[in-house]
Each structure stands twice: as structure tokens, then as C-alpha cells.
Amino acid sequence: TMKTTPLAKLLHDKTKGNVLYTMQALEGLRRRKVLTRNIHTMQWEWDEQRAADEIDLSANVVDLITSKLQSLPEDLRRCLQMASFLRSTFRRSLLETLMDMEIEHQQQKADGGDTMRTLAVADMSVGDALNLAVKEELLERLDVDTATAAEIAEGTVTSGATFRFVHDRIQQAAFSLTPPGDELDQMKYQVGKHL
């Protein structure tokens, strides 16, 4: 425990004890290989000076989370973007409907010669994207108590499955991935039209 005291103090000083900031800072250190697990000693190791240099929480926490989101598979990012336009709690079926509407809209644009980038999920189903978002601790599934044991064991996401962002800052970061302009306006229109 004495070994971890300097890192704990650094994290507390930088995050002011905010749990979300602390978790994002630790994940960032791990992702950038500043904090690593030694497989021989089964202990975490880090370079204190490099950790102090790397933890820059003077930046907005949304920027930290946005950075994490940008490192995720594109299909997952697109699902999170669309989900960010919804209330904090949403059903898989609603997200799928909106993603399908977006695919149709993008196909119509492509047929018209517009090169606007598509927001359709291509390589990953919405269910797979939601499962991965839960594993990445970005979303949490709210209907676990009503899901069957087989659904939970297999990671099956039924159309009635209900989700929410783990923190409103994660939803805000996902929303910020959509650049302002026509694309943002179109996504708002699609969501508003359906709701």
C-alpha cells in the first residue's frame, strides 16, 4: 500500500476525488501504457513522473471521454452518437429504428450524389455495439433483473432491452462527436421525427 500512495495522492490531487475523473485518468494511463500490469509479479507498475505528466485533467472531462470514444470501433461510436440524442434511458428497438432511418437517409443522399459520410452501422449489429458499450463501461443495461439467465450468459440483447449512459458526461461526449452543421441537424431531425 505504501507503494501506491504517491499514485493515489497524484490522482486525488488531479481529480479532486471525482470518481468519473479518477476512472478516466486511470484508464488513460493504462491505455497509454504508463500504468501496466507486470505478469510476473502480478502487480501494477508505473513511472511516477510520466504519470504526473500524462494526467492532465485541466482539460474538460468530456474531452478525456471523447478521446476514449474516438479510439473505439467506428460502428460503436456511431451507435453511441445516435443514442446520445435520446433521453438518458433508451431501448435497443428505438436505437435500431433510428439507425435504420439514418441508413435510409444516407442511401437517399448517396443516390443524389451527396458524399456526406454515412452513420450506418456496417460491420457490427446494434446489439453487438450495445454489448461492447456495456463492456467498455459506457452504457449500463437496466433490465438485467428481467433478462433470462441465457440472455445474460450469451450477452444477448433483445429488442426490449433498456440501456442508459453510465454518466451524463459520457452522453455529452458521444453527442460532441457529431460535428455541427447539416449532419447534426439531420440527426436531430430524424430523432425528433421518430419521437
N, C-alpha and C. Protein backbone atom coordinates (compact mmCIF):
# COMPACT_ATOMS: atom_id res chain seq x y z
N THR A 1 0.81 -1.20 0.00
CA THR A 1 0.00 0.00 0.00
C THR A 1 0.85 1.26 0.00
N MET A 2 2.02 1.20 0.63
CA MET A 2 2.91 2.37 0.65
C MET A 2 3.38 2.70 -0.76
N LYS A 3 3.51 1.65 -1.59
CA LYS A 3 3.95 1.85 -2.96
C LYS A 3 2.93 2.64 -3.78
N THR A 4 1.66 2.44 -3.48
CA THR A 4 0.61 3.09 -4.27
C THR A 4 0.26 4.49 -3.76
N THR A 5 0.74 4.85 -2.60
CA THR A 5 0.39 6.14 -2.02
C THR A 5 0.72 7.32 -2.93
N PRO A 6 1.92 7.39 -3.56
CA PRO A 6 2.18 8.53 -4.43
C PRO A 6 1.21 8.62 -5.62
N LEU A 7 0.88 7.48 -6.22
CA LEU A 7 -0.06 7.49 -7.35
C LEU A 7 -1.45 7.89 -6.86
N ALA A 8 -1.87 7.36 -5.73
CA ALA A 8 -3.18 7.71 -5.18
C ALA A 8 -3.26 9.20 -4.86
N LYS A 9 -2.19 9.75 -4.28
CA LYS A 9 -2.16 11.18 -3.97
C LYS A 9 -2.22 12.01 -5.25
N LEU A 10 -1.43 11.60 -6.25
CA LEU A 10 -1.44 12.30 -7.54
C LEU A 10 -2.85 12.29 -8.15
N LEU A 11 -3.47 11.12 -8.17
CA LEU A 11 -4.82 11.02 -8.74
C LEU A 11 -5.81 11.87 -7.96
N HIS A 12 -5.72 11.83 -6.64
CA HIS A 12 -6.64 12.63 -5.82
C HIS A 12 -6.42 14.12 -6.06
N ASP A 13 -5.16 14.55 -6.11
CA ASP A 13 -4.86 15.96 -6.35
C ASP A 13 -5.39 16.42 -7.71
N LYS A 14 -5.22 15.58 -8.73
CA LYS A 14 -5.62 15.95 -10.08
C LYS A 14 -7.13 15.87 -10.29
N THR A 15 -7.79 14.91 -9.64
CA THR A 15 -9.21 14.68 -9.89
C THR A 15 -10.12 15.27 -8.82
N LYS A 16 -9.53 15.76 -7.74
CA LYS A 16 -10.29 16.28 -6.60
C LYS A 16 -11.26 15.24 -6.05
N GLY A 17 -10.89 13.95 -6.23
CA GLY A 17 -11.70 12.87 -5.70
C GLY A 17 -12.90 12.47 -6.54
N ASN A 18 -13.10 13.13 -7.69
CA ASN A 18 -14.23 12.80 -8.55
C ASN A 18 -14.01 11.40 -9.14
N VAL A 19 -14.95 10.50 -8.89
CA VAL A 19 -14.80 9.10 -9.29
C VAL A 19 -14.70 8.97 -10.81
N LEU A 20 -15.56 9.66 -11.55
CA LEU A 20 -15.51 9.57 -13.02
C LEU A 20 -14.16 10.03 -13.53
N TYR A 21 -13.67 11.17 -13.03
CA TYR A 21 -12.37 11.68 -13.48
C TYR A 21 -11.26 10.69 -13.14
N THR A 22 -11.34 10.11 -11.93
CA THR A 22 -10.31 9.16 -11.49
C THR A 22 -10.29 7.94 -12.41
N MET A 23 -11.47 7.39 -12.70
CA MET A 23 -11.55 6.22 -13.57
C MET A 23 -11.03 6.55 -14.98
N GLN A 24 -11.38 7.70 -15.49
CA GLN A 24 -10.91 8.10 -16.82
C GLN A 24 -9.40 8.30 -16.83
N ALA A 25 -8.87 8.89 -15.76
CA ALA A 25 -7.43 9.10 -15.68
C ALA A 25 -6.69 7.77 -15.62
N LEU A 26 -7.17 6.85 -14.80
CA LEU A 26 -6.53 5.52 -14.70
C LEU A 26 -6.61 4.78 -16.03
N GLU A 27 -7.77 4.83 -16.67
CA GLU A 27 -7.93 4.16 -17.97
C GLU A 27 -7.00 4.78 -19.00
N GLY A 28 -6.88 6.10 -18.98
CA GLY A 28 -5.97 6.78 -19.90
C GLY A 28 -4.52 6.37 -19.68
N LEU A 29 -4.11 6.27 -18.42
CA LEU A 29 -2.74 5.83 -18.11
C LEU A 29 -2.51 4.39 -18.59
N ARG A 30 -3.50 3.54 -18.39
CA ARG A 30 -3.37 2.15 -18.84
C ARG A 30 -3.32 2.08 -20.36
N ARG A 31 -4.19 2.83 -21.02
CA ARG A 31 -4.23 2.82 -22.49
C ARG A 31 -2.92 3.32 -23.10
N ARG A 32 -2.30 4.32 -22.45
CA ARG A 32 -1.04 4.87 -22.97
C ARG A 32 0.19 4.13 -22.42
N LYS A 33 -0.09 3.01 -21.72
CA LYS A 33 0.95 2.13 -21.18
C LYS A 33 1.87 2.82 -20.17
N VAL A 34 1.32 3.80 -19.45
CA VAL A 34 2.04 4.41 -18.34
C VAL A 34 1.82 3.56 -17.10
N LEU A 35 0.66 2.96 -17.00
CA LEU A 35 0.29 2.07 -15.92
C LEU A 35 0.14 0.68 -16.53
N THR A 36 0.99 -0.25 -16.12
CA THR A 36 0.98 -1.58 -16.72
C THR A 36 0.94 -2.66 -15.64
N ARG A 37 0.46 -3.81 -16.02
CA ARG A 37 0.39 -4.96 -15.10
C ARG A 37 1.57 -5.87 -15.39
N ASN A 38 2.42 -6.09 -14.40
CA ASN A 38 3.56 -6.99 -14.54
C ASN A 38 3.05 -8.41 -14.35
N ILE A 39 3.12 -9.20 -15.42
CA ILE A 39 2.56 -10.56 -15.35
C ILE A 39 3.38 -11.49 -14.47
N HIS A 40 4.63 -11.15 -14.20
CA HIS A 40 5.47 -11.99 -13.36
C HIS A 40 5.20 -11.76 -11.87
N THR A 41 5.05 -10.50 -11.49
CA THR A 41 4.79 -10.19 -10.08
C THR A 41 3.31 -10.02 -9.78
N MET A 42 2.49 -9.94 -10.86
CA MET A 42 1.04 -9.73 -10.73
C MET A 42 0.73 -8.44 -9.99
N GLN A 43 1.56 -7.42 -10.24
CA GLN A 43 1.35 -6.12 -9.63
C GLN A 43 1.33 -5.04 -10.71
N TRP A 44 0.69 -3.94 -10.38
CA TRP A 44 0.67 -2.80 -11.29
C TRP A 44 1.96 -2.02 -11.12
N GLU A 45 2.49 -1.49 -12.23
CA GLU A 45 3.71 -0.68 -12.20
C GLU A 45 3.48 0.59 -13.00
N TRP A 46 4.17 1.65 -12.64
CA TRP A 46 4.05 2.92 -13.33
C TRP A 46 5.27 3.76 -13.07
N ASP A 47 5.47 4.72 -13.95
CA ASP A 47 6.53 5.71 -13.80
C ASP A 47 5.86 6.95 -13.22
N GLU A 48 6.24 7.31 -11.99
CA GLU A 48 5.56 8.41 -11.30
C GLU A 48 5.64 9.73 -12.06
N GLN A 49 6.82 10.06 -12.59
CA GLN A 49 6.95 11.33 -13.30
C GLN A 49 6.12 11.34 -14.58
N ARG A 50 6.17 10.24 -15.30
CA ARG A 50 5.39 10.16 -16.55
C ARG A 50 3.90 10.20 -16.25
N ALA A 51 3.48 9.55 -15.17
CA ALA A 51 2.07 9.59 -14.77
C ALA A 51 1.65 11.02 -14.46
N ALA A 52 2.50 11.76 -13.73
CA ALA A 52 2.19 13.15 -13.41
C ALA A 52 2.08 13.99 -14.67
N ASP A 53 2.95 13.73 -15.64
CA ASP A 53 2.92 14.47 -16.90
C ASP A 53 1.70 14.11 -17.74
N GLU A 54 1.30 12.84 -17.70
CA GLU A 54 0.21 12.35 -18.55
C GLU A 54 -1.18 12.71 -18.03
N ILE A 55 -1.33 12.83 -16.72
CA ILE A 55 -2.64 13.14 -16.17
C ILE A 55 -2.85 14.64 -16.26
N ASP A 56 -3.48 15.05 -17.32
CA ASP A 56 -3.79 16.46 -17.49
C ASP A 56 -5.29 16.62 -17.44
N LEU A 57 -5.78 16.81 -16.24
CA LEU A 57 -7.22 16.96 -16.08
C LEU A 57 -7.63 18.43 -16.07
N SER A 58 -6.70 19.30 -16.46
CA SER A 58 -7.11 20.68 -16.63
C SER A 58 -8.04 20.74 -17.84
N ALA A 59 -7.89 19.74 -18.73
CA ALA A 59 -8.80 19.63 -19.85
C ALA A 59 -10.15 19.15 -19.31
N ASN A 60 -11.17 19.48 -20.01
CA ASN A 60 -12.52 19.09 -19.66
C ASN A 60 -12.64 17.57 -19.66
N VAL A 61 -13.38 17.01 -18.71
CA VAL A 61 -13.56 15.55 -18.66
C VAL A 61 -14.24 15.05 -19.92
N VAL A 62 -15.08 15.87 -20.54
CA VAL A 62 -15.72 15.48 -21.80
C VAL A 62 -14.65 15.25 -22.86
N ASP A 63 -13.60 16.06 -22.85
CA ASP A 63 -12.50 15.87 -23.81
C ASP A 63 -11.80 14.54 -23.56
N LEU A 64 -11.61 14.18 -22.29
CA LEU A 64 -11.00 12.89 -21.96
C LEU A 64 -11.85 11.73 -22.46
N ILE A 65 -13.13 11.81 -22.21
CA ILE A 65 -14.03 10.75 -22.63
C ILE A 65 -14.14 10.72 -24.15
N THR A 66 -14.18 11.88 -24.78
CA THR A 66 -14.24 11.95 -26.24
C THR A 66 -13.03 11.27 -26.84
N SER A 67 -11.88 11.47 -26.24
CA SER A 67 -10.66 10.82 -26.71
C SER A 67 -10.81 9.30 -26.64
N LYS A 68 -11.39 8.82 -25.54
CA LYS A 68 -11.62 7.37 -25.41
C LYS A 68 -12.60 6.90 -26.48
N LEU A 69 -13.68 7.64 -26.69
CA LEU A 69 -14.68 7.25 -27.67
C LEU A 69 -14.09 7.19 -29.08
N GLN A 70 -13.19 8.12 -29.38
CA GLN A 70 -12.60 8.14 -30.71
C GLN A 70 -11.69 6.95 -30.97
N SER A 71 -11.27 6.27 -29.91
CA SER A 71 -10.42 5.09 -30.09
C SER A 71 -11.24 3.81 -30.26
N LEU A 72 -12.55 3.91 -30.13
CA LEU A 72 -13.43 2.75 -30.24
C LEU A 72 -13.73 2.44 -31.71
N PRO A 73 -14.22 1.22 -32.00
CA PRO A 73 -14.61 0.90 -33.37
C PRO A 73 -15.66 1.89 -33.88
N GLU A 74 -15.56 2.22 -35.15
CA GLU A 74 -16.43 3.24 -35.73
C GLU A 74 -17.91 2.91 -35.56
N ASP A 75 -18.29 1.67 -35.74
CA ASP A 75 -19.70 1.29 -35.61
C ASP A 75 -20.22 1.56 -34.21
N LEU A 76 -19.41 1.29 -33.21
CA LEU A 76 -19.81 1.55 -31.83
C LEU A 76 -19.95 3.06 -31.61
N ARG A 77 -19.00 3.82 -32.11
CA ARG A 77 -19.09 5.29 -31.98
C ARG A 77 -20.38 5.81 -32.60
N ARG A 78 -20.75 5.28 -33.76
CA ARG A 78 -21.95 5.75 -34.45
C ARG A 78 -23.21 5.43 -33.65
N CYS A 79 -23.25 4.26 -33.06
CA CYS A 79 -24.40 3.90 -32.21
C CYS A 79 -24.47 4.83 -31.00
N LEU A 80 -23.32 5.09 -30.38
CA LEU A 80 -23.30 5.97 -29.22
C LEU A 80 -23.69 7.40 -29.61
N GLN A 81 -23.26 7.84 -30.79
CA GLN A 81 -23.66 9.16 -31.27
C GLN A 81 -25.17 9.25 -31.35
N MET A 82 -25.79 8.28 -32.02
CA MET A 82 -27.24 8.31 -32.18
C MET A 82 -27.92 8.20 -30.82
N ALA A 83 -27.42 7.32 -29.95
CA ALA A 83 -28.02 7.17 -28.62
C ALA A 83 -27.92 8.46 -27.82
N SER A 84 -26.89 9.24 -28.07
CA SER A 84 -26.71 10.48 -27.31
C SER A 84 -27.81 11.50 -27.59
N PHE A 85 -28.55 11.33 -28.67
CA PHE A 85 -29.64 12.24 -29.00
C PHE A 85 -30.92 11.87 -28.26
N LEU A 86 -30.94 10.70 -27.64
CA LEU A 86 -32.11 10.21 -26.94
C LEU A 86 -32.09 10.63 -25.48
N ARG A 87 -33.15 10.32 -24.80
CA ARG A 87 -33.16 10.56 -23.35
C ARG A 87 -32.06 9.72 -22.73
N SER A 88 -31.83 9.91 -21.46
CA SER A 88 -30.74 9.16 -20.83
C SER A 88 -31.01 7.66 -20.81
N THR A 89 -32.27 7.25 -20.86
CA THR A 89 -32.64 5.84 -20.91
C THR A 89 -33.30 5.56 -22.25
N PHE A 90 -32.90 4.47 -22.90
CA PHE A 90 -33.46 4.15 -24.22
C PHE A 90 -33.50 2.65 -24.43
N ARG A 91 -34.37 2.22 -25.33
CA ARG A 91 -34.50 0.80 -25.68
C ARG A 91 -33.69 0.51 -26.94
N ARG A 92 -33.20 -0.73 -27.01
CA ARG A 92 -32.48 -1.17 -28.21
C ARG A 92 -33.34 -0.97 -29.44
N SER A 93 -34.62 -1.32 -29.37
CA SER A 93 -35.50 -1.23 -30.53
C SER A 93 -35.57 0.20 -31.08
N LEU A 94 -35.61 1.19 -30.20
CA LEU A 94 -35.64 2.58 -30.65
C LEU A 94 -34.33 2.95 -31.34
N LEU A 95 -33.21 2.55 -30.75
CA LEU A 95 -31.92 2.86 -31.36
C LEU A 95 -31.80 2.19 -32.73
N GLU A 96 -32.25 0.94 -32.84
CA GLU A 96 -32.21 0.24 -34.14
C GLU A 96 -33.06 0.95 -35.18
N THR A 97 -34.24 1.39 -34.77
CA THR A 97 -35.13 2.11 -35.70
C THR A 97 -34.45 3.38 -36.19
N LEU A 98 -33.85 4.12 -35.28
CA LEU A 98 -33.18 5.36 -35.67
C LEU A 98 -31.98 5.09 -36.58
N MET A 99 -31.23 4.04 -36.27
CA MET A 99 -30.08 3.70 -37.12
C MET A 99 -30.56 3.29 -38.51
N ASP A 100 -31.67 2.55 -38.58
CA ASP A 100 -32.23 2.17 -39.89
C ASP A 100 -32.68 3.40 -40.66
N MET A 101 -33.31 4.35 -39.97
CA MET A 101 -33.74 5.59 -40.63
C MET A 101 -32.53 6.35 -41.15
N GLU A 102 -31.46 6.35 -40.38
CA GLU A 102 -30.24 7.05 -40.81
C GLU A 102 -29.64 6.36 -42.03
N ILE A 103 -29.66 5.04 -42.05
CA ILE A 103 -29.16 4.30 -43.21
C ILE A 103 -29.96 4.68 -44.46
N GLU A 104 -31.28 4.68 -44.33
CA GLU A 104 -32.13 5.05 -45.46
C GLU A 104 -31.83 6.46 -45.93
N HIS A 105 -31.72 7.38 -44.99
CA HIS A 105 -31.42 8.77 -45.35
C HIS A 105 -30.08 8.87 -46.07
N GLN A 106 -29.07 8.17 -45.56
CA GLN A 106 -27.75 8.22 -46.18
C GLN A 106 -27.77 7.61 -47.58
N GLN A 107 -28.56 6.54 -47.76
CA GLN A 107 -28.66 5.94 -49.09
C GLN A 107 -29.33 6.89 -50.07
N GLN A 108 -30.35 7.61 -49.60
CA GLN A 108 -31.00 8.60 -50.46
C GLN A 108 -30.03 9.71 -50.83
N LYS A 109 -29.23 10.14 -49.88
CA LYS A 109 -28.23 11.18 -50.15
C LYS A 109 -27.21 10.68 -51.15
N ALA A 110 -26.76 9.43 -50.98
CA ALA A 110 -25.77 8.85 -51.89
C ALA A 110 -26.33 8.73 -53.30
N ASP A 111 -27.61 8.36 -53.40
CA ASP A 111 -28.24 8.26 -54.71
C ASP A 111 -28.32 9.62 -55.38
N GLY A 112 -28.38 10.67 -54.58
CA GLY A 112 -28.43 12.03 -55.12
C GLY A 112 -27.05 12.59 -55.38
N GLY A 113 -26.02 11.82 -55.16
CA GLY A 113 -24.66 12.28 -55.45
C GLY A 113 -23.98 12.97 -54.29
N ASP A 114 -24.65 13.08 -53.16
CA ASP A 114 -24.05 13.73 -52.00
C ASP A 114 -23.04 12.78 -51.36
N THR A 115 -21.90 13.29 -50.96
CA THR A 115 -20.85 12.44 -50.39
C THR A 115 -20.82 12.49 -48.87
N MET A 116 -21.89 12.94 -48.26
CA MET A 116 -21.96 13.00 -46.79
C MET A 116 -21.65 11.63 -46.21
N ARG A 117 -20.79 11.59 -45.20
CA ARG A 117 -20.39 10.29 -44.66
C ARG A 117 -21.57 9.60 -44.00
N THR A 118 -21.60 8.32 -44.10
CA THR A 118 -22.72 7.55 -43.56
C THR A 118 -22.55 7.29 -42.07
N LEU A 119 -23.67 7.28 -41.38
CA LEU A 119 -23.66 6.96 -39.96
C LEU A 119 -24.24 5.58 -39.70
N ALA A 120 -24.37 4.81 -40.74
CA ALA A 120 -24.96 3.49 -40.60
C ALA A 120 -23.99 2.54 -39.92
N VAL A 121 -24.54 1.61 -39.18
CA VAL A 121 -23.72 0.56 -38.60
C VAL A 121 -23.52 -0.47 -39.70
N ALA A 122 -22.27 -0.76 -40.02
CA ALA A 122 -21.98 -1.65 -41.14
C ALA A 122 -21.49 -3.02 -40.69
N ASP A 123 -20.44 -3.07 -39.91
CA ASP A 123 -19.80 -4.33 -39.56
C ASP A 123 -20.28 -4.91 -38.24
N MET A 124 -21.01 -4.15 -37.48
CA MET A 124 -21.39 -4.56 -36.13
C MET A 124 -22.89 -4.33 -35.98
N SER A 125 -23.62 -5.30 -35.46
CA SER A 125 -25.05 -5.09 -35.22
C SER A 125 -25.21 -4.11 -34.05
N VAL A 126 -26.39 -3.54 -33.97
CA VAL A 126 -26.67 -2.63 -32.86
C VAL A 126 -26.55 -3.39 -31.53
N GLY A 127 -27.03 -4.63 -31.49
CA GLY A 127 -26.92 -5.44 -30.28
C GLY A 127 -25.47 -5.65 -29.87
N ASP A 128 -24.61 -5.96 -30.86
CA ASP A 128 -23.18 -6.14 -30.57
C ASP A 128 -22.55 -4.84 -30.09
N ALA A 129 -22.94 -3.73 -30.71
CA ALA A 129 -22.41 -2.43 -30.30
C ALA A 129 -22.82 -2.11 -28.87
N LEU A 130 -24.07 -2.41 -28.53
CA LEU A 130 -24.54 -2.15 -27.16
C LEU A 130 -23.81 -3.03 -26.16
N ASN A 131 -23.60 -4.29 -26.51
CA ASN A 131 -22.84 -5.19 -25.62
C ASN A 131 -21.44 -4.66 -25.38
N LEU A 132 -20.78 -4.21 -26.46
CA LEU A 132 -19.42 -3.68 -26.32
C LEU A 132 -19.42 -2.41 -25.48
N ALA A 133 -20.42 -1.55 -25.66
CA ALA A 133 -20.52 -0.32 -24.87
C ALA A 133 -20.67 -0.65 -23.38
N VAL A 134 -21.40 -1.71 -23.07
CA VAL A 134 -21.54 -2.13 -21.67
C VAL A 134 -20.19 -2.63 -21.15
N LYS A 135 -19.49 -3.44 -21.95
CA LYS A 135 -18.18 -3.95 -21.54
C LYS A 135 -17.18 -2.81 -21.33
N GLU A 136 -17.29 -1.77 -22.15
CA GLU A 136 -16.39 -0.61 -22.03
C GLU A 136 -16.83 0.35 -20.93
N GLU A 137 -17.93 -0.01 -20.24
CA GLU A 137 -18.48 0.78 -19.13
C GLU A 137 -18.92 2.17 -19.56
N LEU A 138 -19.49 2.24 -20.76
CA LEU A 138 -20.05 3.49 -21.27
C LEU A 138 -21.56 3.51 -21.08
N LEU A 139 -22.16 2.33 -21.23
CA LEU A 139 -23.59 2.15 -21.03
C LEU A 139 -23.79 1.09 -19.96
N GLU A 140 -24.97 1.12 -19.35
CA GLU A 140 -25.35 0.02 -18.47
C GLU A 140 -26.72 -0.46 -18.88
N ARG A 141 -26.91 -1.76 -18.76
CA ARG A 141 -28.19 -2.36 -19.10
C ARG A 141 -29.06 -2.32 -17.87
N LEU A 142 -30.28 -1.82 -18.02
CA LEU A 142 -31.16 -1.62 -16.88
C LEU A 142 -32.11 -2.77 -16.63
N ASP A 143 -32.31 -3.63 -17.61
CA ASP A 143 -33.31 -4.69 -17.47
C ASP A 143 -32.68 -6.04 -17.13
N VAL A 144 -31.51 -6.04 -16.53
CA VAL A 144 -30.81 -7.28 -16.21
C VAL A 144 -31.65 -8.16 -15.30
N ASP A 145 -32.40 -7.57 -14.39
CA ASP A 145 -33.20 -8.37 -13.47
C ASP A 145 -34.35 -9.10 -14.16
N THR A 146 -34.78 -8.63 -15.34
CA THR A 146 -35.86 -9.30 -16.06
C THR A 146 -35.34 -10.15 -17.22
N ALA A 147 -34.06 -10.04 -17.53
CA ALA A 147 -33.49 -10.84 -18.61
C ALA A 147 -33.32 -12.28 -18.13
N THR A 148 -33.39 -13.21 -19.07
CA THR A 148 -33.22 -14.61 -18.71
C THR A 148 -31.74 -14.89 -18.47
N ALA A 149 -31.47 -15.97 -17.77
CA ALA A 149 -30.08 -16.35 -17.49
C ALA A 149 -29.32 -16.60 -18.80
N ALA A 150 -30.00 -17.19 -19.79
CA ALA A 150 -29.36 -17.46 -21.09
C ALA A 150 -29.00 -16.16 -21.79
N GLU A 151 -29.89 -15.15 -21.74
CA GLU A 151 -29.60 -13.85 -22.37
C GLU A 151 -28.37 -13.21 -21.74
N ILE A 152 -28.29 -13.28 -20.43
CA ILE A 152 -27.15 -12.67 -19.73
C ILE A 152 -25.87 -13.43 -20.05
N ALA A 153 -25.92 -14.76 -19.99
CA ALA A 153 -24.74 -15.59 -20.24
C ALA A 153 -24.22 -15.40 -21.66
N GLU A 154 -25.14 -15.31 -22.62
CA GLU A 154 -24.74 -15.17 -24.02
C GLU A 154 -24.51 -13.73 -24.42
N GLY A 155 -24.86 -12.79 -23.55
CA GLY A 155 -24.73 -11.39 -23.91
C GLY A 155 -25.76 -10.97 -24.94
N THR A 156 -26.88 -11.70 -24.98
CA THR A 156 -27.94 -11.41 -25.94
C THR A 156 -28.64 -10.12 -25.54
N VAL A 157 -28.87 -9.26 -26.53
CA VAL A 157 -29.55 -8.01 -26.29
C VAL A 157 -30.86 -8.05 -27.06
N THR A 158 -31.97 -8.32 -26.37
CA THR A 158 -33.27 -8.38 -27.03
C THR A 158 -33.71 -6.98 -27.42
N SER A 159 -34.71 -6.91 -28.30
CA SER A 159 -35.16 -5.61 -28.79
C SER A 159 -35.73 -4.75 -27.67
N GLY A 160 -36.26 -5.40 -26.61
CA GLY A 160 -36.82 -4.64 -25.50
C GLY A 160 -35.80 -4.25 -24.44
N ALA A 161 -34.55 -4.63 -24.63
CA ALA A 161 -33.51 -4.31 -23.65
C ALA A 161 -33.39 -2.80 -23.48
N THR A 162 -33.22 -2.38 -22.25
CA THR A 162 -33.16 -0.96 -21.92
C THR A 162 -31.75 -0.61 -21.43
N PHE A 163 -31.25 0.53 -21.89
CA PHE A 163 -29.89 0.98 -21.57
C PHE A 163 -29.92 2.44 -21.13
N ARG A 164 -28.82 2.82 -20.50
CA ARG A 164 -28.59 4.25 -20.22
C ARG A 164 -27.08 4.47 -20.18
N PHE A 165 -26.69 5.72 -20.42
CA PHE A 165 -25.29 6.08 -20.31
C PHE A 165 -24.91 6.02 -18.83
N VAL A 166 -23.72 5.54 -18.55
CA VAL A 166 -23.26 5.39 -17.17
C VAL A 166 -23.16 6.75 -16.48
N HIS A 167 -22.86 7.77 -17.25
CA HIS A 167 -22.72 9.12 -16.70
C HIS A 167 -23.16 10.11 -17.76
N ASP A 168 -23.76 11.22 -17.34
CA ASP A 168 -24.21 12.20 -18.33
C ASP A 168 -23.05 12.81 -19.13
N ARG A 169 -21.85 12.81 -18.56
CA ARG A 169 -20.68 13.32 -19.30
C ARG A 169 -20.31 12.41 -20.47
N ILE A 170 -20.58 11.12 -20.32
CA ILE A 170 -20.32 10.19 -21.42
C ILE A 170 -21.31 10.46 -22.55
N GLN A 171 -22.57 10.70 -22.19
CA GLN A 171 -23.58 11.03 -23.20
C GLN A 171 -23.20 12.35 -23.88
N GLN A 172 -22.75 13.31 -23.12
CA GLN A 172 -22.33 14.60 -23.68
C GLN A 172 -21.15 14.42 -24.63
N ALA A 173 -20.19 13.58 -24.25
CA ALA A 173 -19.03 13.33 -25.11
C ALA A 173 -19.45 12.65 -26.41
N ALA A 174 -20.38 11.68 -26.32
CA ALA A 174 -20.87 11.00 -27.52
C ALA A 174 -21.59 11.99 -28.43
N PHE A 175 -22.35 12.89 -27.84
CA PHE A 175 -23.05 13.92 -28.62
C PHE A 175 -22.05 14.82 -29.33
N SER A 176 -20.94 15.13 -28.65
CA SER A 176 -19.95 16.06 -29.22
C SER A 176 -19.20 15.46 -30.41
N LEU A 177 -19.31 14.14 -30.63
CA LEU A 177 -18.65 13.52 -31.78
C LEU A 177 -19.28 13.92 -33.11
N THR A 178 -20.53 14.37 -33.08
CA THR A 178 -21.22 14.79 -34.30
C THR A 178 -20.88 16.24 -34.57
N PRO A 179 -20.20 16.51 -35.70
CA PRO A 179 -19.83 17.89 -35.99
C PRO A 179 -21.06 18.75 -36.26
N PRO A 180 -20.98 20.03 -35.88
CA PRO A 180 -22.12 20.92 -36.14
C PRO A 180 -22.34 21.06 -37.64
N GLY A 181 -23.56 21.39 -38.00
CA GLY A 181 -23.87 21.58 -39.42
C GLY A 181 -24.97 20.65 -39.87
N ASP A 182 -24.95 20.33 -41.17
CA ASP A 182 -26.01 19.53 -41.78
C ASP A 182 -26.19 18.17 -41.11
N GLU A 183 -25.09 17.51 -40.80
CA GLU A 183 -25.16 16.18 -40.22
C GLU A 183 -25.85 16.21 -38.85
N LEU A 184 -25.47 17.18 -38.02
CA LEU A 184 -26.07 17.32 -36.70
C LEU A 184 -27.55 17.65 -36.84
N ASP A 185 -27.87 18.59 -37.73
CA ASP A 185 -29.26 18.96 -37.94
C ASP A 185 -30.08 17.77 -38.42
N GLN A 186 -29.52 16.97 -39.32
CA GLN A 186 -30.24 15.81 -39.84
C GLN A 186 -30.49 14.78 -38.75
N MET A 187 -29.49 14.54 -37.90
CA MET A 187 -29.68 13.58 -36.82
C MET A 187 -30.76 14.06 -35.85
N LYS A 188 -30.74 15.34 -35.52
CA LYS A 188 -31.77 15.89 -34.63
C LYS A 188 -33.14 15.75 -35.27
N TYR A 189 -33.22 16.01 -36.56
CA TYR A 189 -34.49 15.90 -37.28
C TYR A 189 -34.99 14.46 -37.25
N GLN A 190 -34.11 13.49 -37.52
CA GLN A 190 -34.51 12.08 -37.55
C GLN A 190 -35.03 11.65 -36.18
N VAL A 191 -34.34 12.01 -35.13
CA VAL A 191 -34.75 11.63 -33.78
C VAL A 191 -36.08 12.29 -33.44
N GLY A 192 -36.18 13.60 -33.70
CA GLY A 192 -37.41 14.32 -33.40
C GLY A 192 -38.60 13.80 -34.19
N LYS A 193 -38.37 13.45 -35.43
CA LYS A 193 -39.44 12.93 -36.29
C LYS A 193 -39.96 11.60 -35.75
N HIS A 194 -39.05 10.77 -35.28
CA HIS A 194 -39.47 9.46 -34.78
C HIS A 194 -40.14 9.56 -33.42
N LEU A 195 -39.62 10.43 -32.57
CA LEU A 195 -40.18 10.53 -31.21
C LEU A 195 -41.50 11.25 -31.25
